[in-house]
Every structure is written in structure tokens, then in C-alpha cells.
Amino acid sequence: MNKQAKILDAMRNNPRDWRIEDLLVLAKQFGVECRNSGGSHHVFGFPGVEMDVTVPAHRPIKPVYIRQFLLLVDAVKELKK
């Protein structure tokens, strides 16, 4: 199991206490775009996937945003197959 898969499994098992930096690293590895125009939120998206995920950059990130991010990553992985 590679590092990406381990982090994703850890997020699925415990969606609490993650930081925006963790999401940014995963987004970069999966090619997910991140938009932040200097505000307090980051918007993650991917061409061909209709879902955009808006995540407040406050720490810790609430579990609902982690679950939404995981759905986006799963959609990206499915699209790339």
C-alpha cells in the first residue's frame, strides 16, 4: 500500500483532526485543482467531475468536509481508470 492510500484510509477511519495542508498534499498527488484567492476557504475541483468541495482553512477541519473531499478524490480516481 502506498503512502497516498494509507493517508486516504486514515482519513476514512478517522475524519477528525486533519489540516488543510494534508488536503493540499493529497490534492496535488491526485491532480485535483485547489483555488484560494486569499480568503479563508479552499475550493477543490477536477475537470470532468461536477462536484467542487469548499473547505474552510480553520483548524481542525470538520469531518463533514473530509468526507466530501474523499468523495471528490474517489470520483477523480474513478475518472482516471
Protein backbone atom coordinates (compact mmCIF):
# COMPACT_ATOMS: atom_id res chain seq x y z
CA MET A 1 0.00 0.00 0.00
CA ASN A 2 1.48 3.35 -0.99
CA LYS A 3 1.58 6.49 1.12
CA GLN A 4 -1.45 8.06 -0.60
CA ALA A 5 -3.60 5.02 0.09
CA LYS A 6 -2.52 4.97 3.73
CA ILE A 7 -3.45 8.62 4.22
CA LEU A 8 -6.82 8.09 2.50
CA ASP A 9 -7.53 5.05 4.69
CA ALA A 10 -6.60 7.03 7.79
CA MET A 11 -8.97 9.82 6.71
CA ARG A 12 -11.77 7.33 6.13
CA ASN A 13 -11.23 5.69 9.51
CA ASN A 14 -10.90 8.94 11.44
CA PRO A 15 -12.12 12.08 9.64
CA ARG A 16 -11.19 14.30 12.61
CA ASP A 17 -8.14 16.46 13.27
CA TRP A 18 -6.87 16.92 9.72
CA ARG A 19 -5.26 20.11 8.49
CA ILE A 20 -5.66 21.95 5.20
CA GLU A 21 -2.00 21.14 4.42
CA ASP A 22 -2.88 17.42 4.42
CA LEU A 23 -5.64 18.03 1.87
CA LEU A 24 -3.37 20.18 -0.29
CA VAL A 25 -0.74 17.42 -0.44
CA LEU A 26 -3.32 14.80 -1.46
CA ALA A 27 -4.91 17.16 -3.98
CA LYS A 28 -1.54 17.73 -5.64
CA GLN A 29 -0.82 13.99 -5.80
CA PHE A 30 -4.17 13.24 -7.47
CA GLY A 31 -4.12 16.27 -9.77
CA VAL A 32 -7.04 17.96 -8.02
CA GLU A 33 -7.09 21.71 -8.52
CA CYS A 34 -7.20 23.98 -5.49
CA ARG A 35 -8.41 27.56 -5.70
CA ASN A 36 -7.85 30.08 -2.94
CA SER A 37 -7.97 33.77 -3.73
CA GLY A 38 -6.61 34.85 -0.38
CA GLY A 39 -9.78 34.04 1.53
CA SER A 40 -10.36 31.67 4.39
CA HIS A 41 -11.63 28.81 2.21
CA HIS A 42 -10.04 26.47 -0.31
CA VAL A 43 -12.08 25.13 -3.23
CA PHE A 44 -11.06 21.74 -4.62
CA GLY A 45 -12.21 20.58 -8.04
CA PHE A 46 -11.27 18.46 -11.02
CA PRO A 47 -12.17 18.82 -14.72
CA GLY A 48 -14.86 16.32 -15.62
CA VAL A 49 -16.12 15.95 -12.04
CA GLU A 50 -19.13 18.14 -11.33
CA MET A 51 -18.54 18.24 -7.59
CA ASP A 52 -16.48 21.07 -6.09
CA VAL A 53 -15.59 20.87 -2.40
CA THR A 54 -15.23 24.06 -0.39
CA VAL A 55 -13.20 23.61 2.79
CA PRO A 56 -12.66 26.29 5.43
CA ALA A 57 -8.98 26.58 6.28
CA HIS A 58 -9.67 26.73 10.01
CA ARG A 59 -8.12 24.02 12.17
CA PRO A 60 -9.17 21.36 12.75
CA ILE A 61 -11.26 20.70 9.67
CA LYS A 62 -14.69 19.29 10.49
CA PRO A 63 -15.32 15.65 9.49
CA VAL A 64 -18.06 16.59 7.01
CA TYR A 65 -15.51 18.43 4.83
CA ILE A 66 -13.09 15.50 4.97
CA ARG A 67 -15.84 13.13 3.83
CA GLN A 68 -16.71 15.46 0.93
CA PHE A 69 -13.04 15.66 -0.06
CA LEU A 70 -12.80 11.86 -0.01
CA LEU A 71 -15.82 11.63 -2.33
CA LEU A 72 -14.09 14.02 -4.72
CA VAL A 73 -10.86 12.00 -4.65
CA ASP A 74 -12.82 8.79 -5.26
CA ALA A 75 -14.56 10.41 -8.25
CA VAL A 76 -11.20 11.52 -9.64
CA LYS A 77 -9.72 8.05 -9.21
CA GLU A 78 -12.76 6.52 -10.97
CA LEU A 79 -12.50 9.04 -13.83
CA LYS A 80 -8.81 8.26 -14.35
CA LYS A 81 -9.40 4.50 -14.71
